[in-house]
Structure formats: structure tokens, C-alpha cells
Amino acid sequence: MDFEKIEKSIGYTFKEKGLLKKALTHTSYAYEHNVESNEKLEFLGDSILEFISSKYIYNNYKKLKEGEMTKVRAEVVCETSLYKVAKAHNFSDFILIGKSEANNNGNHKPAILADSIEATIAAIYFDGGLDEAERFIISNLKDAIENSTKHVGMKDFKTVLQEKLQENGDVNIKYTVIKETGPDHDKTFTVKVEVNGRELATGEGKTKKHAEMDAARKALEN
């Protein structure tokens, strides 16, 4: 395994290389080669990730209510978000998977990649302490947290639009992604909203959900 390449990408050099290797060892590989998998590291990494992200949101977004902080954390500490982090660091090139998973393109599966990020967080914690784990987490997730906080207090424009359009009976409301731009880990989606086949507005966002919300908001303004 080319430790130097992945260490350079994640911005942390391991003193104990075996920890990094274990963090990237999927259960399918561990079973075939009779070694320990990353499952236990993943268990701990999940808790560290939740704690550090909670602390960061608490310290940096003073105006958010408790329920809003919970929503932001849930959006950021999720498989989709961690999958993007793994893609940004090309984890699919380094994950050790068994033959069965290799035949199913397992090194590109979002769940496997997301789990490897949690395991790597725990590995960094054991190797370099909580501060290093925190640095890795925040450097990779602060933009996602910032983006999420911008939308968390947002009124549910999709629901409001639906209620307004259905005042005089049932209508067919459809949201369609018409464009995706940017790399996998930093995409921007463009979505159009139609009612009974007639386009009302288009919106943009870093997730499909946010783009749909933006389109609904513009439709209401129109």
C-alpha cells in the first residue's frame, strides 16, 4: 500500500502505519486473510466524528437553536457526506476488499467508503491524539457544515408551493435535475420545478434537496 500518497492527501503522517492499514481493511478482506477489519475503528470513529462536529457547530454557530444544530449535524455526519470526503481523497484506490466485494465494485460503494473515513478518524486519534483527529474532521467537513447552516432555518418552500398550487384542486408538481456541474465531492445541482408540465422556475444548490428548495422558493416569488 502506498502510505505516502494517502497520507499526503489526508494531511496526516502515521507513526504506526499498521493503524492506517487496519482503517482501510474491509471485513471481506479481513475474513479472507485472517486479519482484523476496520469495524471496531469505525465504531469509535463514528463517536469522535459526532462529538467533534457537535463541538464545532456549538462554538461557531451561536444563533442556531438546539433542533437546528441537530439537523445540521445529521446532514453532515451521514453516509453521503462521508462518501464525498472519501472520494476527494481517492480512498477507493487504497481500500482492501475481498474477492467477493472486488467483483461487485466494492471499493466504490458509498457505505464502504464512508465507513473507511470513520475508521480513519479513529486511527488518527490513536496515532496522534484528539487534536489531529479534529483537524482532519473540520478541514474536510467545515464547508459542508457552513452550507447546511444556510438552509437549516429555511422555510419548507416545497410544502408551501404545494399548498398554494393545490388550493383549487390536485395538480402534478415535478422536480427534475437538469444539470450537474463540478467534481464528485463538490457538485452543484440545477433543478427545474414544473406544474402540469409547465415550468415555473429553476434553482441551484449543493444537494438535490437544496436545489429543489431553491426552485420552489423562486416559483413562489414568481
Protein backbone atom coordinates (compact mmCIF):
# COMPACT_ATOMS: atom_id res chain seq x y z
CA MET A 1 0.00 0.00 0.00
CA ASP A 2 1.32 3.45 -0.94
CA PHE A 3 1.02 5.03 2.52
CA GLU A 4 2.81 8.21 1.46
CA LYS A 5 0.26 9.01 -1.23
CA ILE A 6 -2.80 8.70 1.01
CA GLU A 7 -1.05 10.39 3.96
CA LYS A 8 -0.22 13.36 1.74
CA SER A 9 -3.84 13.59 0.62
CA ILE A 10 -5.36 13.46 4.12
CA GLY A 11 -2.66 15.72 5.57
CA TYR A 12 -1.54 13.35 8.32
CA THR A 13 1.53 11.09 8.53
CA PHE A 14 1.10 7.98 10.68
CA LYS A 15 3.78 6.92 13.14
CA GLU A 16 2.13 3.47 13.26
CA LYS A 17 1.38 2.56 9.61
CA GLY A 18 -0.49 -0.54 10.72
CA LEU A 19 -3.30 1.64 12.08
CA LEU A 20 -3.88 3.21 8.68
CA LYS A 21 -3.82 -0.20 7.00
CA LYS A 22 -6.38 -1.52 9.50
CA ALA A 23 -8.60 1.53 8.92
CA LEU A 24 -8.68 0.65 5.23
CA THR A 25 -9.29 -3.10 5.73
CA HIS A 26 -12.86 -4.08 4.89
CA THR A 27 -14.44 -7.11 6.58
CA SER A 28 -14.45 -9.06 3.28
CA TYR A 29 -10.62 -8.77 3.03
CA ALA A 30 -10.13 -9.42 6.75
CA TYR A 31 -12.16 -12.65 6.52
CA GLU A 32 -10.19 -13.94 3.52
CA HIS A 33 -6.76 -13.08 5.00
CA ASN A 34 -7.50 -13.78 8.69
CA VAL A 35 -6.64 -10.23 9.85
CA GLU A 36 -8.58 -7.62 11.82
CA SER A 37 -11.04 -5.44 9.92
CA ASN A 38 -11.79 -1.74 10.37
CA GLU A 39 -15.15 -2.38 12.10
CA LYS A 40 -14.02 -1.55 15.64
CA LEU A 41 -12.15 1.56 14.48
CA GLU A 42 -15.28 2.61 12.59
CA PHE A 43 -17.35 2.24 15.79
CA LEU A 44 -15.08 4.62 17.68
CA GLY A 45 -14.59 6.99 14.74
CA ASP A 46 -18.34 7.46 14.49
CA SER A 47 -18.47 8.72 18.09
CA ILE A 48 -15.44 11.01 17.66
CA LEU A 49 -16.94 12.44 14.48
CA GLU A 50 -20.25 13.16 16.19
CA PHE A 51 -18.56 14.81 19.20
CA ILE A 52 -16.14 16.97 17.18
CA SER A 53 -18.78 18.12 14.69
CA SER A 54 -21.18 18.91 17.56
CA LYS A 55 -18.49 20.97 19.32
CA TYR A 56 -17.65 22.84 16.11
CA ILE A 57 -21.30 23.66 15.36
CA TYR A 58 -21.86 24.74 19.00
CA ASN A 59 -18.81 27.04 19.02
CA ASN A 60 -19.20 28.56 15.55
CA TYR A 61 -22.95 28.92 15.01
CA LYS A 62 -24.21 30.62 18.15
CA LYS A 63 -27.58 31.61 16.67
CA LEU A 64 -28.70 28.08 15.85
CA LYS A 65 -31.30 26.51 18.12
CA GLU A 66 -30.71 23.01 19.54
CA GLY A 67 -33.03 21.40 16.98
CA GLU A 68 -31.29 23.22 14.13
CA MET A 69 -27.86 22.13 15.38
CA THR A 70 -29.11 18.53 15.41
CA LYS A 71 -30.34 18.85 11.81
CA VAL A 72 -27.03 20.32 10.62
CA ARG A 73 -25.05 17.56 12.33
CA ALA A 74 -27.30 14.83 10.90
CA GLU A 75 -26.86 16.22 7.39
CA VAL A 76 -23.07 16.39 7.70
CA VAL A 77 -22.39 13.19 9.69
CA CYS A 78 -24.06 10.90 7.17
CA GLU A 79 -23.04 8.36 4.55
CA THR A 80 -23.44 10.77 1.60
CA SER A 81 -21.27 13.43 3.22
CA LEU A 82 -18.51 11.00 4.27
CA TYR A 83 -18.61 9.32 0.86
CA LYS A 84 -17.74 12.71 -0.69
CA VAL A 85 -14.77 13.05 1.69
CA ALA A 86 -13.56 9.56 0.73
CA LYS A 87 -13.92 10.38 -2.98
CA ALA A 88 -11.98 13.63 -2.53
CA HIS A 89 -9.04 11.64 -1.11
CA ASN A 90 -9.35 8.74 -3.60
CA PHE A 91 -9.94 6.19 -0.84
CA SER A 92 -11.27 3.75 -3.44
CA ASP A 93 -7.66 3.30 -4.64
CA PHE A 94 -6.49 2.17 -1.18
CA ILE A 95 -9.30 0.17 0.44
CA LEU A 96 -8.50 -3.51 0.94
CA ILE A 97 -11.51 -5.61 -0.07
CA GLY A 98 -12.06 -9.31 -0.57
CA LYS A 99 -12.65 -11.04 -3.90
CA SER A 100 -16.43 -11.09 -3.49
CA GLU A 101 -16.58 -7.32 -2.98
CA ALA A 102 -13.99 -6.70 -5.70
CA ASN A 103 -16.28 -8.48 -8.17
CA ASN A 104 -19.08 -6.10 -7.16
CA ASN A 105 -17.02 -2.91 -7.41
CA GLY A 106 -16.98 -2.78 -3.61
CA ASN A 107 -14.22 -0.20 -3.38
CA HIS A 108 -16.61 2.33 -4.93
CA LYS A 109 -19.63 1.57 -2.70
CA PRO A 110 -20.70 4.66 -0.70
CA ALA A 111 -21.25 2.66 2.53
CA ILE A 112 -17.80 1.03 2.40
CA LEU A 113 -16.08 4.33 1.61
CA ALA A 114 -18.00 6.24 4.29
CA ASP A 115 -17.14 3.58 6.91
CA SER A 116 -13.46 3.84 5.99
CA ILE A 117 -13.50 7.57 6.76
CA GLU A 118 -14.89 6.89 10.26
CA ALA A 119 -12.24 4.19 10.78
CA THR A 120 -9.50 6.57 9.61
CA ILE A 121 -10.68 9.20 12.12
CA ALA A 122 -10.24 6.67 14.95
CA ALA A 123 -6.86 5.60 13.56
CA ILE A 124 -5.66 9.22 13.53
CA TYR A 125 -6.97 9.61 17.10
CA PHE A 126 -4.98 6.59 18.33
CA ASP A 127 -1.86 7.61 16.43
CA GLY A 128 -1.80 11.36 17.00
CA GLY A 129 -4.46 12.29 19.55
CA LEU A 130 -7.81 14.08 19.50
CA ASP A 131 -6.43 17.37 18.14
CA GLU A 132 -5.18 15.68 14.97
CA ALA A 133 -8.49 13.84 14.53
CA GLU A 134 -10.32 17.12 14.99
CA ARG A 135 -8.12 18.84 12.40
CA PHE A 136 -8.90 16.12 9.86
CA ILE A 137 -12.65 16.23 10.55
CA ILE A 138 -13.01 20.01 10.43
CA SER A 139 -10.80 20.54 7.39
CA ASN A 140 -12.96 18.06 5.47
CA LEU A 141 -16.41 18.99 6.77
CA LYS A 142 -16.40 22.70 7.62
CA ASP A 143 -17.67 23.68 4.13
CA ALA A 144 -20.48 21.11 4.33
CA ILE A 145 -21.40 22.41 7.81
CA GLU A 146 -21.40 26.00 6.56
CA ASN A 147 -23.60 25.07 3.61
CA SER A 148 -26.02 23.15 5.81
CA THR A 149 -26.40 26.02 8.31
CA LYS A 150 -27.50 28.31 5.47
CA HIS A 151 -30.50 26.10 4.76
CA VAL A 152 -31.42 24.76 8.19
CA GLY A 153 -33.72 27.61 9.18
CA MET A 154 -35.21 27.77 5.72
CA LYS A 155 -38.95 27.52 5.48
CA ASP A 156 -40.05 24.39 3.65
CA PHE A 157 -40.74 26.16 0.36
CA LYS A 158 -41.69 22.89 -1.36
CA THR A 159 -44.55 22.34 1.08
CA VAL A 160 -45.71 25.98 0.82
CA LEU A 161 -45.64 25.81 -3.00
CA GLN A 162 -47.59 22.56 -3.00
CA GLU A 163 -50.24 24.02 -0.69
CA LYS A 164 -50.62 27.13 -2.85
CA LEU A 165 -50.83 25.22 -6.13
CA GLN A 166 -53.36 22.74 -4.75
CA GLU A 167 -55.77 25.36 -3.41
CA ASN A 168 -58.05 24.78 -6.40
CA GLY A 169 -57.62 21.02 -6.68
CA ASP A 170 -54.95 18.45 -7.40
CA VAL A 171 -52.02 19.36 -9.63
CA ASN A 172 -48.97 17.43 -10.80
CA ILE A 173 -45.79 19.01 -9.36
CA LYS A 174 -42.50 17.63 -10.68
CA TYR A 175 -38.87 18.42 -9.78
CA THR A 176 -36.20 17.41 -12.33
CA VAL A 177 -32.40 17.68 -12.21
CA ILE A 178 -31.43 19.39 -15.47
CA LYS A 179 -27.73 19.98 -14.83
CA GLU A 180 -24.86 18.81 -12.60
CA THR A 181 -21.57 20.71 -12.52
CA GLY A 182 -18.32 20.35 -10.58
CA PRO A 183 -16.34 17.34 -9.30
CA ASP A 184 -18.00 14.49 -7.36
CA HIS A 185 -17.05 15.90 -3.96
CA ASP A 186 -18.28 19.43 -4.76
CA LYS A 187 -21.22 19.21 -7.17
CA THR A 188 -23.76 21.93 -7.89
CA PHE A 189 -27.22 20.78 -8.98
CA THR A 190 -29.71 22.72 -11.13
CA VAL A 191 -33.33 21.65 -10.76
CA LYS A 192 -36.50 22.80 -12.54
CA VAL A 193 -39.95 22.68 -11.00
CA GLU A 194 -42.99 22.12 -13.23
CA VAL A 195 -46.72 22.09 -12.58
CA ASN A 196 -48.84 20.10 -15.01
CA GLY A 197 -45.93 20.16 -17.47
CA ARG A 198 -45.41 23.94 -17.30
CA GLU A 199 -42.04 25.14 -16.00
CA LEU A 200 -42.31 27.56 -13.07
CA ALA A 201 -38.68 28.15 -12.05
CA THR A 202 -35.18 26.68 -11.76
CA GLY A 203 -32.99 26.57 -8.67
CA GLU A 204 -29.44 25.68 -7.68
CA GLY A 205 -27.88 24.01 -4.66
CA LYS A 206 -25.05 21.83 -3.41
CA THR A 207 -27.51 18.96 -2.94
CA LYS A 208 -30.59 17.98 -4.96
CA LYS A 209 -32.75 18.81 -1.94
CA HIS A 210 -31.35 22.33 -1.66
CA ALA A 211 -31.72 22.88 -5.41
CA GLU A 212 -35.37 21.76 -5.23
CA MET A 213 -35.95 24.11 -2.29
CA ASP A 214 -34.37 26.99 -4.21
CA ALA A 215 -36.56 26.26 -7.25
CA ALA A 216 -39.70 26.19 -5.08
CA ARG A 217 -38.71 29.49 -3.42
CA LYS A 218 -38.26 31.17 -6.83
CA ALA A 219 -41.54 29.73 -8.05
CA LEU A 220 -43.30 31.27 -5.03
CA GLU A 221 -41.63 34.63 -5.71
CA ASN A 222 -42.79 34.49 -9.32
